PDB file of all heavy atoms in Angstrom:
ATOM      1  N   VAL A   1       0.694 -24.070-106.824  1.00  0.00           N
ATOM      2  CA  VAL A   1       0.890 -25.139-105.832  1.00  0.00           C
ATOM      3  C   VAL A   1       1.444 -26.401-106.590  1.00  0.00           C
ATOM      4  O   VAL A   1       2.348 -27.054-106.082  1.00  0.00           O
ATOM      5  CB  VAL A   1      -0.479 -25.489-105.211  1.00  0.00           C
ATOM      6  CG1 VAL A   1      -0.399 -26.749-104.361  1.00  0.00           C
ATOM      7  CG2 VAL A   1      -0.951 -24.341-104.300  1.00  0.00           C
ATOM      8  N   LEU A   2       0.877 -26.741-107.746  1.00  0.00           N
ATOM      9  CA  LEU A   2       1.346 -27.872-108.478  1.00  0.00           C
ATOM     10  C   LEU A   2       2.846 -27.743-108.873  1.00  0.00           C
ATOM     11  O   LEU A   2       3.580 -28.681-108.796  1.00  0.00           O
ATOM     12  CB  LEU A   2       0.455 -28.123-109.774  1.00  0.00           C
ATOM     13  CG  LEU A   2      -0.984 -28.482-109.474  1.00  0.00           C
ATOM     14  CD1 LEU A   2      -1.665 -28.813-110.791  1.00  0.00           C
ATOM     15  CD2 LEU A   2      -1.083 -29.675-108.538  1.00  0.00           C
ATOM     16  N   ARG A   3       3.202 -26.523-109.340  1.00  0.00           N
ATOM     17  CA  ARG A   3       4.617 -26.317-109.696  1.00  0.00           C
ATOM     18  C   ARG A   3       5.529 -26.499-108.488  1.00  0.00           C
ATOM     19  O   ARG A   3       6.619 -27.041-108.602  1.00  0.00           O
ATOM     20  CB  ARG A   3       4.801 -24.869-110.241  1.00  0.00           C
ATOM     21  CG  ARG A   3       4.204 -24.697-111.592  1.00  0.00           C
ATOM     22  CD  ARG A   3       4.595 -23.388-112.215  1.00  0.00           C
ATOM     23  NE  ARG A   3       3.884 -23.141-113.446  1.00  0.00           N
ATOM     24  CZ  ARG A   3       2.740 -22.463-113.539  1.00  0.00           C
ATOM     25  NH1 ARG A   3       2.238 -21.920-112.454  1.00  0.00           N
ATOM     26  NH2 ARG A   3       2.107 -22.303-114.701  1.00  0.00           N
ATOM     27  N   LYS A   4       5.070 -26.054-107.316  1.00  0.00           N
ATOM     28  CA  LYS A   4       5.856 -26.218-106.080  1.00  0.00           C
ATOM     29  C   LYS A   4       5.976 -27.709-105.753  1.00  0.00           C
ATOM     30  O   LYS A   4       7.037 -28.178-105.338  1.00  0.00           O
ATOM     31  CB  LYS A   4       5.198 -25.444-104.952  1.00  0.00           C
ATOM     32  CG  LYS A   4       6.100 -25.317-103.698  1.00  0.00           C
ATOM     33  CD  LYS A   4       7.244 -24.312-103.898  1.00  0.00           C
ATOM     34  CE  LYS A   4       7.878 -23.908-102.594  1.00  0.00           C
ATOM     35  NZ  LYS A   4       8.457 -24.996-101.837  1.00  0.00           N
ATOM     36  N   LEU A   5       4.874 -28.443-105.873  1.00  0.00           N
ATOM     37  CA  LEU A   5       4.878 -29.857-105.616  1.00  0.00           C
ATOM     38  C   LEU A   5       5.814 -30.570-106.565  1.00  0.00           C
ATOM     39  O   LEU A   5       6.535 -31.515-106.217  1.00  0.00           O
ATOM     40  CB  LEU A   5       3.504 -30.462-105.648  1.00  0.00           C
ATOM     41  CG  LEU A   5       2.548 -30.073-104.508  1.00  0.00           C
ATOM     42  CD1 LEU A   5       1.104 -30.547-104.877  1.00  0.00           C
ATOM     43  CD2 LEU A   5       3.000 -30.697-103.194  1.00  0.00           C
ATOM     44  N   LYS A   6       5.855 -30.132-107.810  1.00  0.00           N
ATOM     45  CA  LYS A   6       6.762 -30.728-108.787  1.00  0.00           C
ATOM     46  C   LYS A   6       8.249 -30.406-108.392  1.00  0.00           C
ATOM     47  O   LYS A   6       9.087 -31.292-108.395  1.00  0.00           O
ATOM     48  CB  LYS A   6       6.475 -30.137-110.180  1.00  0.00           C
ATOM     49  CG  LYS A   6       7.483 -30.545-111.247  1.00  0.00           C
ATOM     50  CD  LYS A   6       7.173 -29.885-112.550  1.00  0.00           C
ATOM     51  CE  LYS A   6       8.347 -30.009-113.554  1.00  0.00           C
ATOM     52  NZ  LYS A   6       8.669 -31.399-113.854  1.00  0.00           N
ATOM     53  N   LYS A   7       8.483 -29.173-108.050  1.00  0.00           N
ATOM     54  CA  LYS A   7       9.813 -28.757-107.692  1.00  0.00           C
ATOM     55  C   LYS A   7      10.324 -29.539-106.425  1.00  0.00           C
ATOM     56  O   LYS A   7      11.504 -29.853-106.360  1.00  0.00           O
ATOM     57  CB  LYS A   7       9.810 -27.253-107.368  1.00  0.00           C
ATOM     58  CG  LYS A   7      11.183 -26.675-106.963  1.00  0.00           C
ATOM     59  CD  LYS A   7      11.073 -25.192-106.662  1.00  0.00           C
ATOM     60  CE  LYS A   7      12.412 -24.659-106.207  1.00  0.00           C
ATOM     61  NZ  LYS A   7      12.358 -23.222-105.906  1.00  0.00           N
ATOM     62  N   ASP A   8       9.407 -29.853-105.514  1.00  0.00           N
ATOM     63  CA  ASP A   8       9.788 -30.534-104.295  1.00  0.00           C
ATOM     64  C   ASP A   8       9.716 -32.061-104.449  1.00  0.00           C
ATOM     65  O   ASP A   8       9.820 -32.778-103.482  1.00  0.00           O
ATOM     66  CB  ASP A   8       8.849 -30.086-103.148  1.00  0.00           C
ATOM     67  CG  ASP A   8       9.066 -28.690-102.693  1.00  0.00           C
ATOM     68  OD1 ASP A   8      10.151 -28.141-103.042  1.00  0.00           O
ATOM     69  OD2 ASP A   8       8.216 -28.061-102.104  1.00  0.00           O
ATOM     70  N   GLY A   9       9.551 -32.514-105.707  1.00  0.00           N
ATOM     71  CA  GLY A   9       9.658 -33.898-105.952  1.00  0.00           C
ATOM     72  C   GLY A   9       8.404 -34.753-105.636  1.00  0.00           C
ATOM     73  O   GLY A   9       8.439 -35.976-105.509  1.00  0.00           O
ATOM     74  N   PHE A  10       7.242 -34.075-105.495  1.00  0.00           N
ATOM     75  CA  PHE A  10       5.998 -34.805-105.206  1.00  0.00           C
ATOM     76  C   PHE A  10       5.119 -35.063-106.410  1.00  0.00           C
ATOM     77  O   PHE A  10       4.230 -35.874-106.363  1.00  0.00           O
ATOM     78  CB  PHE A  10       5.193 -33.993-104.159  1.00  0.00           C
ATOM     79  CG  PHE A  10       5.337 -34.563-102.798  1.00  0.00           C
ATOM     80  CD1 PHE A  10       6.615 -34.690-102.146  1.00  0.00           C
ATOM     81  CD2 PHE A  10       4.223 -34.947-102.070  1.00  0.00           C
ATOM     82  CE1 PHE A  10       6.719 -35.223-100.884  1.00  0.00           C
ATOM     83  CE2 PHE A  10       4.338 -35.541-100.823  1.00  0.00           C
ATOM     84  CZ  PHE A  10       5.600 -35.611-100.225  1.00  0.00           C
ATOM     85  N   LEU A  11       5.391 -34.378-107.483  1.00  0.00           N
ATOM     86  CA  LEU A  11       4.632 -34.600-108.727  1.00  0.00           C
ATOM     87  C   LEU A  11       5.557 -34.734-109.891  1.00  0.00           C
ATOM     88  O   LEU A  11       6.598 -34.005-109.976  1.00  0.00           O
ATOM     89  CB  LEU A  11       3.600 -33.456-108.987  1.00  0.00           C
ATOM     90  CG  LEU A  11       2.412 -33.294-108.097  1.00  0.00           C
ATOM     91  CD1 LEU A  11       1.551 -32.155-108.563  1.00  0.00           C
ATOM     92  CD2 LEU A  11       1.589 -34.597-108.080  1.00  0.00           C
ATOM     93  N   ASP A  12       5.197 -35.609-110.839  1.00  0.00           N
ATOM     94  CA  ASP A  12       6.005 -35.782-112.084  1.00  0.00           C
ATOM     95  C   ASP A  12       5.088 -35.383-113.211  1.00  0.00           C
ATOM     96  O   ASP A  12       4.314 -36.174-113.737  1.00  0.00           O
ATOM     97  CB  ASP A  12       6.441 -37.222-112.228  1.00  0.00           C
ATOM     98  CG  ASP A  12       7.308 -37.451-113.449  1.00  0.00           C
ATOM     99  OD1 ASP A  12       7.734 -36.445-114.065  1.00  0.00           O
ATOM    100  OD2 ASP A  12       7.517 -38.634-113.842  1.00  0.00           O
ATOM    101  N   VAL A  13       5.223 -34.120-113.618  1.00  0.00           N
ATOM    102  CA  VAL A  13       4.389 -33.560-114.720  1.00  0.00           C
ATOM    103  C   VAL A  13       5.182 -32.586-115.486  1.00  0.00           C
ATOM    104  O   VAL A  13       6.019 -31.852-114.968  1.00  0.00           O
ATOM    105  CB  VAL A  13       3.113 -32.868-114.103  1.00  0.00           C
ATOM    106  CG1 VAL A  13       3.428 -31.837-113.106  1.00  0.00           C
ATOM    107  CG2 VAL A  13       2.215 -32.269-115.222  1.00  0.00           C
ATOM    108  N   ASP A  14       5.016 -32.589-116.825  1.00  0.00           N
ATOM    109  CA  ASP A  14       5.747 -31.683-117.669  1.00  0.00           C
ATOM    110  C   ASP A  14       5.379 -30.233-117.296  1.00  0.00           C
ATOM    111  O   ASP A  14       4.230 -29.957-117.054  1.00  0.00           O
ATOM    112  CB  ASP A  14       5.418 -31.918-119.153  1.00  0.00           C
ATOM    113  CG  ASP A  14       5.921 -33.251-119.623  1.00  0.00           C
ATOM    114  OD1 ASP A  14       6.839 -33.844-118.925  1.00  0.00           O
ATOM    115  OD2 ASP A  14       5.444 -33.741-120.657  1.00  0.00           O
ATOM    116  N   ASP A  15       6.365 -29.335-117.385  1.00  0.00           N
ATOM    117  CA  ASP A  15       6.135 -27.973-117.051  1.00  0.00           C
ATOM    118  C   ASP A  15       5.037 -27.369-117.909  1.00  0.00           C
ATOM    119  O   ASP A  15       4.220 -26.577-117.373  1.00  0.00           O
ATOM    120  CB  ASP A  15       7.459 -27.157-117.279  1.00  0.00           C
ATOM    121  CG  ASP A  15       8.506 -27.442-116.241  1.00  0.00           C
ATOM    122  OD1 ASP A  15       8.127 -27.893-115.114  1.00  0.00           O
ATOM    123  OD2 ASP A  15       9.662 -27.327-116.476  1.00  0.00           O
ATOM    124  N   ASN A  16       4.961 -27.692-119.171  1.00  0.00           N
ATOM    125  CA  ASN A  16       3.969 -27.084-120.019  1.00  0.00           C
ATOM    126  C   ASN A  16       2.579 -27.687-119.867  1.00  0.00           C
ATOM    127  O   ASN A  16       1.670 -27.263-120.552  1.00  0.00           O
ATOM    128  CB  ASN A  16       4.423 -27.194-121.493  1.00  0.00           C
ATOM    129  CG  ASN A  16       4.551 -28.659-121.978  1.00  0.00           C
ATOM    130  OD1 ASN A  16       4.470 -29.617-121.203  1.00  0.00           O
ATOM    131  ND2 ASN A  16       4.719 -28.863-123.309  1.00  0.00           N
ATOM    132  N   LYS A  17       2.451 -28.639-118.955  1.00  0.00           N
ATOM    133  CA  LYS A  17       1.131 -29.241-118.702  1.00  0.00           C
ATOM    134  C   LYS A  17       0.578 -28.940-117.323  1.00  0.00           C
ATOM    135  O   LYS A  17      -0.542 -29.360-116.968  1.00  0.00           O
ATOM    136  CB  LYS A  17       1.210 -30.798-118.912  1.00  0.00           C
ATOM    137  CG  LYS A  17       1.486 -31.175-120.307  1.00  0.00           C
ATOM    138  CD  LYS A  17       1.460 -32.703-120.493  1.00  0.00           C
ATOM    139  CE  LYS A  17       1.703 -33.068-121.958  1.00  0.00           C
ATOM    140  NZ  LYS A  17       1.742 -34.585-122.123  1.00  0.00           N
ATOM    141  N   VAL A  18       1.318 -28.199-116.564  1.00  0.00           N
ATOM    142  CA  VAL A  18       0.933 -27.877-115.154  1.00  0.00           C
ATOM    143  C   VAL A  18      -0.406 -27.128-115.111  1.00  0.00           C
ATOM    144  O   VAL A  18      -1.339 -27.501-114.367  1.00  0.00           O
ATOM    145  CB  VAL A  18       1.993 -27.061-114.437  1.00  0.00           C
ATOM    146  CG1 VAL A  18       1.500 -26.556-113.054  1.00  0.00           C
ATOM    147  CG2 VAL A  18       3.245 -27.929-114.144  1.00  0.00           C
ATOM    148  N   THR A  19      -0.535 -26.089-115.936  1.00  0.00           N
ATOM    149  CA  THR A  19      -1.728 -25.308-115.907  1.00  0.00           C
ATOM    150  C   THR A  19      -2.945 -26.110-116.373  1.00  0.00           C
ATOM    151  O   THR A  19      -4.051 -26.033-115.795  1.00  0.00           O
ATOM    152  CB  THR A  19      -1.606 -23.995-116.764  1.00  0.00           C
ATOM    153  OG1 THR A  19      -0.544 -23.226-116.262  1.00  0.00           O
ATOM    154  CG2 THR A  19      -2.920 -23.207-116.758  1.00  0.00           C
ATOM    155  N   ALA A  20      -2.754 -26.941-117.434  1.00  0.00           N
ATOM    156  CA  ALA A  20      -3.815 -27.793-117.891  1.00  0.00           C
ATOM    157  C   ALA A  20      -4.275 -28.780-116.835  1.00  0.00           C
ATOM    158  O   ALA A  20      -5.429 -29.123-116.674  1.00  0.00           O
ATOM    159  CB  ALA A  20      -3.394 -28.522-119.147  1.00  0.00           C
ATOM    160  N   LEU A  21      -3.299 -29.327-116.113  1.00  0.00           N
ATOM    161  CA  LEU A  21      -3.638 -30.293-115.018  1.00  0.00           C
ATOM    162  C   LEU A  21      -4.425 -29.555-113.964  1.00  0.00           C
ATOM    163  O   LEU A  21      -5.377 -30.143-113.423  1.00  0.00           O
ATOM    164  CB  LEU A  21      -2.350 -30.862-114.404  1.00  0.00           C
ATOM    165  CG  LEU A  21      -2.454 -31.855-113.304  1.00  0.00           C
ATOM    166  CD1 LEU A  21      -3.345 -33.025-113.689  1.00  0.00           C
ATOM    167  CD2 LEU A  21      -1.090 -32.293-112.744  1.00  0.00           C
ATOM    168  N   ALA A  22      -3.974 -28.404-113.560  1.00  0.00           N
ATOM    169  CA  ALA A  22      -4.703 -27.619-112.580  1.00  0.00           C
ATOM    170  C   ALA A  22      -6.113 -27.275-113.016  1.00  0.00           C
ATOM    171  O   ALA A  22      -7.074 -27.364-112.236  1.00  0.00           O
ATOM    172  CB  ALA A  22      -3.933 -26.313-112.237  1.00  0.00           C
ATOM    173  N   ASP A  23      -6.267 -26.995-114.288  1.00  0.00           N
ATOM    174  CA  ASP A  23      -7.618 -26.682-114.844  1.00  0.00           C
ATOM    175  C   ASP A  23      -8.487 -27.890-114.841  1.00  0.00           C
ATOM    176  O   ASP A  23      -9.722 -27.835-114.604  1.00  0.00           O
ATOM    177  CB  ASP A  23      -7.464 -26.085-116.260  1.00  0.00           C
ATOM    178  CG  ASP A  23      -8.712 -25.457-116.700  1.00  0.00           C
ATOM    179  OD1 ASP A  23      -9.337 -24.734-115.950  1.00  0.00           O
ATOM    180  OD2 ASP A  23      -9.062 -25.627-117.923  1.00  0.00           O
ATOM    181  N   THR A  24      -7.909 -29.045-115.122  1.00  0.00           N
ATOM    182  CA  THR A  24      -8.661 -30.314-115.141  1.00  0.00           C
ATOM    183  C   THR A  24      -9.185 -30.632-113.721  1.00  0.00           C
ATOM    184  O   THR A  24     -10.381 -31.018-113.537  1.00  0.00           O
ATOM    185  CB  THR A  24      -7.818 -31.501-115.623  1.00  0.00           C
ATOM    186  OG1 THR A  24      -7.375 -31.260-116.935  1.00  0.00           O
ATOM    187  CG2 THR A  24      -8.551 -32.826-115.602  1.00  0.00           C
ATOM    188  N   ILE A  25      -8.311 -30.430-112.748  1.00  0.00           N
ATOM    189  CA  ILE A  25      -8.755 -30.647-111.330  1.00  0.00           C
ATOM    190  C   ILE A  25      -9.817 -29.670-110.996  1.00  0.00           C
ATOM    191  O   ILE A  25     -10.867 -30.035-110.356  1.00  0.00           O
ATOM    192  CB  ILE A  25      -7.549 -30.497-110.421  1.00  0.00           C
ATOM    193  CG1 ILE A  25      -6.533 -31.674-110.598  1.00  0.00           C
ATOM    194  CG2 ILE A  25      -7.967 -30.445-108.897  1.00  0.00           C
ATOM    195  CD1 ILE A  25      -5.227 -31.444-109.925  1.00  0.00           C
ATOM    196  N   LYS A  26      -9.670 -28.381-111.379  1.00  0.00           N
ATOM    197  CA  LYS A  26     -10.725 -27.377-111.099  1.00  0.00           C
ATOM    198  C   LYS A  26     -12.039 -27.751-111.755  1.00  0.00           C
ATOM    199  O   LYS A  26     -13.138 -27.536-111.151  1.00  0.00           O
ATOM    200  CB  LYS A  26     -10.216 -26.030-111.543  1.00  0.00           C
ATOM    201  CG  LYS A  26     -11.138 -24.832-111.289  1.00  0.00           C
ATOM    202  CD  LYS A  26     -10.416 -23.508-111.484  1.00  0.00           C
ATOM    203  CE  LYS A  26     -10.341 -23.196-112.953  1.00  0.00           C
ATOM    204  NZ  LYS A  26     -11.633 -22.975-113.586  1.00  0.00           N
ATOM    205  N   MET A  27     -11.971 -28.237-112.950  1.00  0.00           N
ATOM    206  CA  MET A  27     -13.155 -28.670-113.705  1.00  0.00           C
ATOM    207  C   MET A  27     -13.884 -29.799-112.923  1.00  0.00           C
ATOM    208  O   MET A  27     -15.106 -29.756-112.770  1.00  0.00           O
ATOM    209  CB  MET A  27     -12.827 -29.068-115.104  1.00  0.00           C
ATOM    210  CG  MET A  27     -13.983 -29.632-115.914  1.00  0.00           C
ATOM    211  SD  MET A  27     -13.508 -30.056-117.567  1.00  0.00           S
ATOM    212  CE  MET A  27     -12.336 -31.399-117.287  1.00  0.00           C
ATOM    213  N   MET A  28     -13.143 -30.795-112.439  1.00  0.00           N
ATOM    214  CA  MET A  28     -13.726 -31.890-111.732  1.00  0.00           C
ATOM    215  C   MET A  28     -14.457 -31.428-110.469  1.00  0.00           C
ATOM    216  O   MET A  28     -15.563 -31.807-110.157  1.00  0.00           O
ATOM    217  CB  MET A  28     -12.688 -32.911-111.417  1.00  0.00           C
ATOM    218  CG  MET A  28     -12.232 -33.758-112.517  1.00  0.00           C
ATOM    219  SD  MET A  28     -11.164 -35.088-111.988  1.00  0.00           S
ATOM    220  CE  MET A  28     -12.214 -36.047-110.945  1.00  0.00           C
ATOM    221  N   VAL A  29     -13.790 -30.539-109.737  1.00  0.00           N
ATOM    222  CA  VAL A  29     -14.327 -30.007-108.489  1.00  0.00           C
ATOM    223  C   VAL A  29     -15.582 -29.171-108.820  1.00  0.00           C
ATOM    224  O   VAL A  29     -16.612 -29.301-108.158  1.00  0.00           O
ATOM    225  CB  VAL A  29     -13.280 -29.169-107.759  1.00  0.00           C
ATOM    226  CG1 VAL A  29     -13.882 -28.474-106.564  1.00  0.00           C
ATOM    227  CG2 VAL A  29     -12.108 -30.039-107.274  1.00  0.00           C
ATOM    228  N   SER A  30     -15.519 -28.314-109.813  1.00  0.00           N
ATOM    229  CA  SER A  30     -16.615 -27.361-110.119  1.00  0.00           C
ATOM    230  C   SER A  30     -17.857 -28.090-110.559  1.00  0.00           C
ATOM    231  O   SER A  30     -18.986 -27.635-110.247  1.00  0.00           O
ATOM    232  CB  SER A  30     -16.207 -26.431-111.245  1.00  0.00           C
ATOM    233  OG  SER A  30     -15.103 -25.609-110.782  1.00  0.00           O
ATOM    234  N   PHE A  31     -17.737 -29.254-111.242  1.00  0.00           N
ATOM    235  CA  PHE A  31     -18.922 -29.901-111.759  1.00  0.00           C
ATOM    236  C   PHE A  31     -19.247 -31.247-111.171  1.00  0.00           C
ATOM    237  O   PHE A  31     -20.070 -31.978-111.661  1.00  0.00           O
ATOM    238  CB  PHE A  31     -18.773 -29.991-113.312  1.00  0.00           C
ATOM    239  CG  PHE A  31     -18.774 -28.673-113.958  1.00  0.00           C
ATOM    240  CD1 PHE A  31     -17.569 -28.119-114.406  1.00  0.00           C
ATOM    241  CD2 PHE A  31     -19.937 -28.000-114.133  1.00  0.00           C
ATOM    242  CE1 PHE A  31     -17.564 -26.835-114.984  1.00  0.00           C
ATOM    243  CE2 PHE A  31     -19.938 -26.706-114.775  1.00  0.00           C
ATOM    244  CZ  PHE A  31     -18.682 -26.160-115.166  1.00  0.00           C
ATOM    245  N   TRP A  32     -18.571 -31.602-110.078  1.00  0.00           N
ATOM    246  CA  TRP A  32     -18.814 -32.866-109.454  1.00  0.00           C
ATOM    247  C   TRP A  32     -20.223 -32.962-108.913  1.00  0.00           C
ATOM    248  O   TRP A  32     -20.905 -33.969-109.073  1.00  0.00           O
ATOM    249  CB  TRP A  32     -17.804 -33.127-108.274  1.00  0.00           C
ATOM    250  CG  TRP A  32     -18.022 -34.396-107.520  1.00  0.00           C
ATOM    251  CD1 TRP A  32     -18.566 -34.542-106.298  1.00  0.00           C
ATOM    252  CD2 TRP A  32     -17.735 -35.710-108.019  1.00  0.00           C
ATOM    253  NE1 TRP A  32     -18.669 -35.913-105.981  1.00  0.00           N
ATOM    254  CE2 TRP A  32     -18.184 -36.605-106.978  1.00  0.00           C
ATOM    255  CE3 TRP A  32     -17.213 -36.212-109.145  1.00  0.00           C
ATOM    256  CZ2 TRP A  32     -18.026 -38.020-107.145  1.00  0.00           C
ATOM    257  CZ3 TRP A  32     -17.082 -37.601-109.337  1.00  0.00           C
ATOM    258  CH2 TRP A  32     -17.510 -38.468-108.314  1.00  0.00           C
ATOM    259  N   ILE A  33     -20.719 -31.915-108.282  1.00  0.00           N
ATOM    260  CA  ILE A  33     -22.061 -31.891-107.715  1.00  0.00           C
ATOM    261  C   ILE A  33     -23.122 -31.993-108.792  1.00  0.00           C
ATOM    262  O   ILE A  33     -24.050 -32.843-108.717  1.00  0.00           O
ATOM    263  CB  ILE A  33     -22.293 -30.654-106.811  1.00  0.00           C
ATOM    264  CG1 ILE A  33     -21.502 -30.842-105.517  1.00  0.00           C
ATOM    265  CG2 ILE A  33     -23.801 -30.477-106.504  1.00  0.00           C
ATOM    266  CD1 ILE A  33     -21.626 -29.663-104.585  1.00  0.00           C
ATOM    267  N   SER A  34     -23.043 -31.207-109.825  1.00  0.00           N
ATOM    268  CA  SER A  34     -24.051 -31.264-110.900  1.00  0.00           C
ATOM    269  C   SER A  34     -23.992 -32.569-111.575  1.00  0.00           C
ATOM    270  O   SER A  34     -25.048 -33.127-112.019  1.00  0.00           O
ATOM    271  CB  SER A  34     -23.878 -30.113-111.875  1.00  0.00           C
ATOM    272  OG  SER A  34     -22.584 -30.106-112.430  1.00  0.00           O
TER     273      SER A  34
END
């Protein structure tokens, strides 16, 4: 999803950081409640 948003001009993120960014978001969501 993030790569598609980058391709469509909605995100400005280096290609080699897309997965790390997605993982950071997943981490925030997973541990927000705790």
